[in-house]
């Protein structure tokens, strides 16, 4: 497997948008998102936002998935933090180690950063991958408003 992990570009917008629609309609995500949010997210990924980065997983010119990470600082852990906001691999390419490859890439690129993500308990396959890559469950609930 020769998956290339690269930064998202404007030319990726249509395919990323389609993948986001599938991802956000799935049981892996609590929110369904919206067209406006998807466009803003992609805008931030392709326009050098200091807060959001977008990645494409590609092999031989075929886009197999995408990821988005947000940057912050964790006062709880006293270090910079990245949140893996989205990680999506198209159905046809799941089970090929693409997510693991991305986690290894991010671990090296952001060495010394706390790395966090959210996952639905029912998403057993994703949980298994995340645990294999060294993620541990935190024993508290997250809230929003």
N, C-alpha and C. Protein backbone atom coordinates (compact mmCIF):
# COMPACT_ATOMS: atom_id res chain seq x y z
N UNK A 1 0.85 -1.18 0.00
CA UNK A 1 0.00 0.00 0.00
C UNK A 1 0.89 1.23 0.00
N UNK A 2 0.62 2.14 -0.91
CA UNK A 2 1.40 3.38 -0.97
C UNK A 2 0.48 4.59 -0.84
N UNK A 3 -0.17 4.68 0.30
CA UNK A 3 -1.07 5.80 0.57
C UNK A 3 -0.25 7.07 0.78
N UNK A 4 -0.64 8.11 0.12
CA UNK A 4 -0.04 9.42 0.30
C UNK A 4 -0.97 10.23 1.21
N UNK A 5 -0.41 10.77 2.29
CA UNK A 5 -1.16 11.69 3.15
C UNK A 5 -0.68 13.08 2.79
N UNK A 6 -1.61 13.92 2.35
CA UNK A 6 -1.23 15.27 1.93
C UNK A 6 -2.25 16.27 2.45
N UNK A 7 -1.85 17.53 2.40
CA UNK A 7 -2.75 18.60 2.82
C UNK A 7 -3.90 18.74 1.81
N UNK A 8 -5.05 19.06 2.30
CA UNK A 8 -6.23 19.29 1.47
C UNK A 8 -6.03 20.55 0.65
N UNK A 9 -6.51 20.54 -0.59
CA UNK A 9 -6.45 21.71 -1.46
C UNK A 9 -7.85 22.06 -1.95
N UNK A 10 -7.96 23.22 -2.54
CA UNK A 10 -9.26 23.67 -3.07
C UNK A 10 -9.82 22.67 -4.08
N UNK A 11 -8.96 22.06 -4.88
CA UNK A 11 -9.46 21.12 -5.89
C UNK A 11 -10.08 19.86 -5.26
N UNK A 12 -9.83 19.62 -3.98
CA UNK A 12 -10.42 18.47 -3.28
C UNK A 12 -11.84 18.76 -2.78
N UNK A 13 -12.25 20.02 -2.80
CA UNK A 13 -13.52 20.43 -2.19
C UNK A 13 -14.71 19.55 -2.58
N UNK A 14 -14.98 19.31 -3.86
CA UNK A 14 -16.19 18.52 -4.18
C UNK A 14 -16.18 17.12 -3.56
N UNK A 15 -15.04 16.45 -3.63
CA UNK A 15 -14.99 15.10 -3.08
C UNK A 15 -15.01 15.10 -1.56
N UNK A 16 -14.33 16.06 -0.93
CA UNK A 16 -14.37 16.16 0.52
C UNK A 16 -15.80 16.45 0.98
N UNK A 17 -16.46 17.34 0.28
CA UNK A 17 -17.85 17.69 0.61
C UNK A 17 -18.74 16.45 0.58
N UNK A 18 -18.58 15.64 -0.45
CA UNK A 18 -19.36 14.40 -0.57
C UNK A 18 -19.04 13.44 0.59
N UNK A 19 -17.76 13.31 0.92
CA UNK A 19 -17.38 12.42 2.03
C UNK A 19 -17.93 12.95 3.36
N UNK A 20 -17.91 14.27 3.54
CA UNK A 20 -18.45 14.85 4.77
C UNK A 20 -19.95 14.57 4.90
N UNK A 21 -20.66 14.67 3.80
CA UNK A 21 -22.10 14.40 3.84
C UNK A 21 -22.38 12.96 4.27
N UNK A 22 -21.58 12.02 3.76
CA UNK A 22 -21.73 10.61 4.15
C UNK A 22 -21.36 10.42 5.62
N UNK A 23 -20.20 10.97 6.00
CA UNK A 23 -19.72 10.83 7.38
C UNK A 23 -20.71 11.40 8.38
N UNK A 24 -21.19 12.61 8.14
CA UNK A 24 -22.08 13.27 9.09
C UNK A 24 -23.51 12.71 9.09
N UNK A 25 -23.85 11.91 8.11
CA UNK A 25 -25.15 11.24 8.10
C UNK A 25 -25.07 9.86 8.75
N UNK A 26 -23.86 9.43 9.11
CA UNK A 26 -23.66 8.10 9.67
C UNK A 26 -23.85 8.11 11.18
N UNK A 27 -24.01 6.93 11.78
CA UNK A 27 -24.12 6.85 13.24
C UNK A 27 -22.81 7.16 13.97
N UNK A 28 -21.71 7.39 13.23
CA UNK A 28 -20.43 7.71 13.85
C UNK A 28 -20.42 9.13 14.42
N UNK A 29 -21.40 9.93 14.04
CA UNK A 29 -21.43 11.35 14.43
C UNK A 29 -22.81 11.68 14.99
N UNK A 30 -22.84 12.42 16.09
CA UNK A 30 -24.13 12.79 16.69
C UNK A 30 -24.86 13.87 15.91
N UNK A 31 -24.12 14.79 15.30
CA UNK A 31 -24.71 15.90 14.57
C UNK A 31 -24.75 15.57 13.08
N UNK A 32 -25.72 16.11 12.39
CA UNK A 32 -25.79 15.90 10.94
C UNK A 32 -25.04 16.98 10.18
N UNK A 33 -24.53 18.00 10.89
CA UNK A 33 -23.83 19.07 10.21
C UNK A 33 -24.78 19.85 9.30
N UNK A 34 -24.22 20.67 8.44
CA UNK A 34 -25.02 21.43 7.48
C UNK A 34 -24.13 21.84 6.34
N UNK A 35 -24.73 22.19 5.23
CA UNK A 35 -23.97 22.65 4.07
C UNK A 35 -23.08 23.84 4.44
N UNK A 36 -23.63 24.75 5.22
CA UNK A 36 -22.87 25.94 5.62
C UNK A 36 -21.65 25.55 6.45
N UNK A 37 -21.83 24.64 7.39
CA UNK A 37 -20.70 24.20 8.23
C UNK A 37 -19.67 23.46 7.39
N UNK A 38 -20.11 22.57 6.51
CA UNK A 38 -19.17 21.82 5.67
C UNK A 38 -18.30 22.78 4.85
N UNK A 39 -18.93 23.78 4.25
CA UNK A 39 -18.19 24.74 3.42
C UNK A 39 -17.21 25.54 4.27
N UNK A 40 -17.63 25.99 5.46
CA UNK A 40 -16.72 26.73 6.34
C UNK A 40 -15.54 25.85 6.75
N UNK A 41 -15.81 24.60 7.08
CA UNK A 41 -14.73 23.69 7.48
C UNK A 41 -13.71 23.53 6.35
N UNK A 42 -14.20 23.30 5.15
CA UNK A 42 -13.29 23.14 4.01
C UNK A 42 -12.54 24.44 3.74
N UNK A 43 -13.26 25.58 3.82
CA UNK A 43 -12.59 26.88 3.66
C UNK A 43 -11.40 27.00 4.61
N UNK A 44 -11.61 26.67 5.87
CA UNK A 44 -10.55 26.77 6.86
C UNK A 44 -9.40 25.82 6.57
N UNK A 45 -9.72 24.65 6.06
CA UNK A 45 -8.66 23.68 5.74
C UNK A 45 -7.79 24.13 4.57
N UNK A 46 -8.37 24.78 3.59
CA UNK A 46 -7.61 25.13 2.38
C UNK A 46 -7.08 26.56 2.40
N UNK A 47 -7.44 27.35 3.41
CA UNK A 47 -7.05 28.76 3.46
C UNK A 47 -6.11 29.08 4.61
N UNK A 48 -5.25 28.16 4.98
CA UNK A 48 -4.21 28.42 5.98
C UNK A 48 -4.74 28.90 7.33
N UNK A 49 -5.83 28.35 7.80
CA UNK A 49 -6.31 28.67 9.14
C UNK A 49 -5.31 28.18 10.17
N UNK A 50 -5.06 28.98 11.21
CA UNK A 50 -4.16 28.49 12.26
C UNK A 50 -4.82 27.46 13.17
N UNK A 51 -6.12 27.25 13.00
CA UNK A 51 -6.87 26.38 13.90
C UNK A 51 -7.24 25.02 13.30
N UNK A 52 -7.35 24.92 11.99
CA UNK A 52 -7.85 23.69 11.37
C UNK A 52 -6.98 23.29 10.19
N UNK A 53 -6.65 22.01 10.14
CA UNK A 53 -5.89 21.45 9.01
C UNK A 53 -6.70 20.31 8.41
N UNK A 54 -6.66 20.22 7.09
CA UNK A 54 -7.33 19.14 6.39
C UNK A 54 -6.32 18.27 5.67
N UNK A 55 -6.55 16.97 5.71
CA UNK A 55 -5.67 15.99 5.10
C UNK A 55 -6.47 15.10 4.15
N UNK A 56 -5.79 14.67 3.10
CA UNK A 56 -6.36 13.75 2.12
C UNK A 56 -5.54 12.47 2.14
N UNK A 57 -6.23 11.33 2.08
CA UNK A 57 -5.59 10.03 1.95
C UNK A 57 -5.78 9.61 0.50
N UNK A 58 -4.70 9.45 -0.22
CA UNK A 58 -4.78 9.24 -1.67
C UNK A 58 -3.80 8.16 -2.10
N UNK A 59 -4.21 7.39 -3.09
CA UNK A 59 -3.33 6.40 -3.69
C UNK A 59 -3.58 6.37 -5.19
N UNK A 60 -2.52 6.56 -5.95
CA UNK A 60 -2.61 6.55 -7.41
C UNK A 60 -3.71 7.49 -7.93
N UNK A 61 -3.79 8.67 -7.31
CA UNK A 61 -4.77 9.67 -7.75
C UNK A 61 -6.18 9.42 -7.25
N UNK A 62 -6.40 8.35 -6.50
CA UNK A 62 -7.74 8.03 -5.98
C UNK A 62 -7.81 8.47 -4.52
N UNK A 63 -8.76 9.35 -4.23
CA UNK A 63 -8.96 9.81 -2.85
C UNK A 63 -9.71 8.72 -2.09
N UNK A 64 -9.10 8.26 -1.01
CA UNK A 64 -9.67 7.16 -0.22
C UNK A 64 -10.30 7.64 1.08
N UNK A 65 -10.02 8.89 1.46
CA UNK A 65 -10.59 9.43 2.69
C UNK A 65 -10.00 10.78 3.00
N UNK A 66 -10.41 11.31 4.16
CA UNK A 66 -9.92 12.62 4.59
C UNK A 66 -9.90 12.66 6.12
N UNK A 67 -9.22 13.66 6.64
CA UNK A 67 -9.23 13.94 8.07
C UNK A 67 -9.11 15.44 8.27
N UNK A 68 -9.60 15.89 9.42
CA UNK A 68 -9.45 17.28 9.83
C UNK A 68 -9.00 17.29 11.28
N UNK A 69 -8.01 18.12 11.58
CA UNK A 69 -7.57 18.27 12.96
C UNK A 69 -7.64 19.74 13.36
N UNK A 70 -8.06 19.96 14.60
CA UNK A 70 -8.13 21.31 15.18
C UNK A 70 -7.04 21.44 16.23
N UNK A 71 -6.47 22.63 16.31
CA UNK A 71 -5.37 22.87 17.25
C UNK A 71 -5.85 23.72 18.42
N UNK A 72 -5.35 23.38 19.61
CA UNK A 72 -5.68 24.15 20.81
C UNK A 72 -4.59 23.93 21.86
N UNK A 73 -4.86 24.33 23.09
CA UNK A 73 -3.94 24.10 24.19
C UNK A 73 -4.74 23.49 25.32
N UNK A 74 -4.19 22.48 25.96
CA UNK A 74 -4.86 21.83 27.09
C UNK A 74 -4.24 22.31 28.39
N UNK A 75 -5.01 23.10 29.15
CA UNK A 75 -4.52 23.50 30.47
C UNK A 75 -4.54 22.32 31.43
N UNK A 76 -5.42 21.37 31.19
CA UNK A 76 -5.49 20.17 32.03
C UNK A 76 -4.20 19.36 31.97
N UNK A 77 -3.61 19.28 30.77
CA UNK A 77 -2.40 18.50 30.57
C UNK A 77 -1.15 19.37 30.37
N UNK A 78 -1.33 20.70 30.29
CA UNK A 78 -0.21 21.62 30.20
C UNK A 78 0.59 21.54 28.92
N UNK A 79 -0.10 21.31 27.80
CA UNK A 79 0.62 21.25 26.53
C UNK A 79 -0.32 21.50 25.36
N UNK A 80 0.26 21.79 24.18
CA UNK A 80 -0.57 21.96 23.00
C UNK A 80 -1.36 20.69 22.72
N UNK A 81 -2.47 20.87 22.06
CA UNK A 81 -3.40 19.76 21.82
C UNK A 81 -3.89 19.80 20.38
N UNK A 82 -4.02 18.64 19.80
CA UNK A 82 -4.76 18.55 18.54
C UNK A 82 -5.97 17.66 18.78
N UNK A 83 -7.07 18.05 18.19
CA UNK A 83 -8.30 17.26 18.20
C UNK A 83 -8.46 16.67 16.80
N UNK A 84 -8.55 15.39 16.72
CA UNK A 84 -8.85 14.76 15.44
C UNK A 84 -10.37 14.86 15.31
N UNK A 85 -10.79 15.87 14.58
CA UNK A 85 -12.21 16.19 14.47
C UNK A 85 -12.94 15.22 13.55
N UNK A 86 -12.39 15.02 12.38
CA UNK A 86 -12.98 14.10 11.40
C UNK A 86 -11.89 13.15 10.95
N UNK A 87 -12.23 11.89 10.86
CA UNK A 87 -11.40 10.93 10.13
C UNK A 87 -12.37 10.00 9.43
N UNK A 88 -12.26 9.99 8.11
CA UNK A 88 -13.21 9.22 7.30
C UNK A 88 -12.46 8.49 6.20
N UNK A 89 -12.72 7.21 6.11
CA UNK A 89 -12.19 6.37 5.02
C UNK A 89 -13.40 5.79 4.30
N UNK A 90 -13.43 5.91 3.00
CA UNK A 90 -14.53 5.37 2.20
C UNK A 90 -14.68 3.88 2.46
N UNK A 91 -15.93 3.41 2.44
CA UNK A 91 -16.23 2.00 2.72
C UNK A 91 -15.33 1.02 1.97
N UNK A 92 -15.14 1.26 0.70
CA UNK A 92 -14.37 0.32 -0.14
C UNK A 92 -12.91 0.19 0.28
N UNK A 93 -12.42 1.15 1.08
CA UNK A 93 -11.01 1.15 1.44
C UNK A 93 -10.76 0.91 2.93
N UNK A 94 -11.82 0.60 3.67
CA UNK A 94 -11.66 0.34 5.10
C UNK A 94 -10.95 -0.99 5.31
N UNK A 95 -10.26 -1.08 6.44
CA UNK A 95 -9.55 -2.31 6.78
C UNK A 95 -8.19 -2.43 6.11
N UNK A 96 -7.74 -1.37 5.45
CA UNK A 96 -6.44 -1.38 4.76
C UNK A 96 -5.34 -0.69 5.57
N UNK A 97 -5.66 -0.28 6.79
CA UNK A 97 -4.66 0.37 7.63
C UNK A 97 -4.48 1.85 7.39
N UNK A 98 -5.40 2.47 6.68
CA UNK A 98 -5.27 3.90 6.35
C UNK A 98 -5.35 4.76 7.61
N UNK A 99 -6.30 4.48 8.49
CA UNK A 99 -6.43 5.26 9.72
C UNK A 99 -5.17 5.11 10.59
N UNK A 100 -4.68 3.90 10.70
CA UNK A 100 -3.46 3.67 11.49
C UNK A 100 -2.29 4.44 10.89
N UNK A 101 -2.17 4.43 9.59
CA UNK A 101 -1.12 5.18 8.92
C UNK A 101 -1.23 6.67 9.24
N UNK A 102 -2.46 7.20 9.22
CA UNK A 102 -2.67 8.61 9.54
C UNK A 102 -2.31 8.90 11.00
N UNK A 103 -2.72 8.04 11.92
CA UNK A 103 -2.39 8.27 13.33
C UNK A 103 -0.88 8.26 13.55
N UNK A 104 -0.18 7.39 12.88
CA UNK A 104 1.29 7.36 12.98
C UNK A 104 1.90 8.65 12.41
N UNK A 105 1.34 9.11 11.30
CA UNK A 105 1.80 10.36 10.67
C UNK A 105 1.61 11.53 11.64
N UNK A 106 0.42 11.62 12.24
CA UNK A 106 0.11 12.72 13.16
C UNK A 106 0.95 12.62 14.43
N UNK A 107 1.17 11.39 14.90
CA UNK A 107 1.98 11.20 16.11
C UNK A 107 3.39 11.76 15.90
N UNK A 108 3.93 11.54 14.72
CA UNK A 108 5.27 12.06 14.41
C UNK A 108 5.24 13.57 14.17
N UNK A 109 4.28 14.03 13.39
CA UNK A 109 4.20 15.46 13.06
C UNK A 109 3.95 16.31 14.30
N UNK A 110 3.13 15.80 15.21
CA UNK A 110 2.77 16.54 16.41
C UNK A 110 3.28 15.85 17.67
N UNK A 111 4.52 15.42 17.63
CA UNK A 111 5.16 14.82 18.81
C UNK A 111 5.14 15.86 19.94
N UNK A 112 4.79 15.41 21.13
CA UNK A 112 4.73 16.32 22.27
C UNK A 112 3.39 16.99 22.45
N UNK A 113 2.49 16.86 21.49
CA UNK A 113 1.14 17.40 21.61
C UNK A 113 0.23 16.32 22.20
N UNK A 114 -0.72 16.74 22.99
CA UNK A 114 -1.80 15.85 23.40
C UNK A 114 -2.67 15.61 22.17
N UNK A 115 -3.08 14.39 21.95
CA UNK A 115 -3.93 14.08 20.80
C UNK A 115 -5.24 13.50 21.31
N UNK A 116 -6.34 14.14 20.91
CA UNK A 116 -7.66 13.74 21.40
C UNK A 116 -8.60 13.50 20.23
N UNK A 117 -9.61 12.71 20.49
CA UNK A 117 -10.68 12.49 19.53
C UNK A 117 -11.92 12.05 20.26
N UNK A 118 -13.04 12.08 19.57
CA UNK A 118 -14.31 11.59 20.09
C UNK A 118 -14.75 10.42 19.24
N UNK A 119 -15.44 9.47 19.88
CA UNK A 119 -15.95 8.31 19.14
C UNK A 119 -17.23 7.84 19.83
N UNK A 120 -18.16 7.38 19.03
CA UNK A 120 -19.38 6.79 19.57
C UNK A 120 -19.07 5.37 20.05
N UNK A 121 -19.58 5.01 21.22
CA UNK A 121 -19.32 3.68 21.78
C UNK A 121 -19.74 2.55 20.83
N UNK A 122 -20.78 2.80 20.06
CA UNK A 122 -21.29 1.78 19.14
C UNK A 122 -20.36 1.54 17.96
N UNK A 123 -19.43 2.44 17.73
CA UNK A 123 -18.52 2.34 16.59
C UNK A 123 -17.34 1.46 16.98
N UNK A 124 -17.62 0.16 17.14
CA UNK A 124 -16.65 -0.78 17.67
C UNK A 124 -15.39 -0.92 16.82
N UNK A 125 -15.53 -0.89 15.51
CA UNK A 125 -14.35 -1.00 14.65
C UNK A 125 -13.42 0.18 14.84
N UNK A 126 -13.99 1.39 14.90
CA UNK A 126 -13.17 2.59 15.12
C UNK A 126 -12.52 2.53 16.50
N UNK A 127 -13.28 2.13 17.51
CA UNK A 127 -12.71 2.02 18.86
C UNK A 127 -11.50 1.09 18.87
N UNK A 128 -11.61 -0.02 18.20
CA UNK A 128 -10.50 -0.99 18.16
C UNK A 128 -9.26 -0.37 17.50
N UNK A 129 -9.46 0.37 16.42
CA UNK A 129 -8.33 1.02 15.74
C UNK A 129 -7.71 2.07 16.66
N UNK A 130 -8.54 2.88 17.30
CA UNK A 130 -8.03 3.95 18.15
C UNK A 130 -7.25 3.38 19.33
N UNK A 131 -7.77 2.33 19.94
CA UNK A 131 -7.06 1.70 21.06
C UNK A 131 -5.74 1.09 20.59
N UNK A 132 -5.76 0.46 19.43
CA UNK A 132 -4.53 -0.12 18.87
C UNK A 132 -3.48 0.97 18.64
N UNK A 133 -3.93 2.17 18.33
CA UNK A 133 -3.01 3.29 18.06
C UNK A 133 -2.63 4.05 19.33
N UNK A 134 -3.06 3.56 20.49
CA UNK A 134 -2.62 4.14 21.75
C UNK A 134 -3.57 5.11 22.42
N UNK A 135 -4.75 5.32 21.88
CA UNK A 135 -5.72 6.20 22.52
C UNK A 135 -6.38 5.47 23.69
N UNK A 136 -6.65 6.22 24.76
CA UNK A 136 -7.29 5.68 25.95
C UNK A 136 -8.55 6.47 26.24
N UNK A 137 -9.53 5.79 26.80
CA UNK A 137 -10.79 6.44 27.16
C UNK A 137 -10.58 7.35 28.37
N UNK A 138 -11.15 8.55 28.30
CA UNK A 138 -11.16 9.45 29.44
C UNK A 138 -12.46 9.21 30.21
N UNK A 139 -12.40 9.25 31.54
CA UNK A 139 -13.57 8.84 32.33
C UNK A 139 -14.56 9.97 32.61
N UNK A 140 -14.68 10.94 31.71
CA UNK A 140 -15.65 11.97 31.96
C UNK A 140 -16.40 12.36 30.71
N UNK A 141 -17.48 13.04 30.93
CA UNK A 141 -18.37 13.45 29.84
C UNK A 141 -17.94 14.82 29.34
N UNK A 142 -18.15 15.06 28.07
CA UNK A 142 -17.91 16.37 27.50
C UNK A 142 -19.24 17.08 27.36
N UNK A 143 -19.24 18.40 27.52
CA UNK A 143 -20.49 19.17 27.41
C UNK A 143 -20.26 20.32 26.41
N UNK A 144 -21.36 20.87 25.91
CA UNK A 144 -21.29 22.00 24.98
C UNK A 144 -22.50 22.90 25.19
N UNK A 145 -22.43 24.09 24.64
CA UNK A 145 -23.62 24.94 24.61
C UNK A 145 -23.58 25.82 23.40
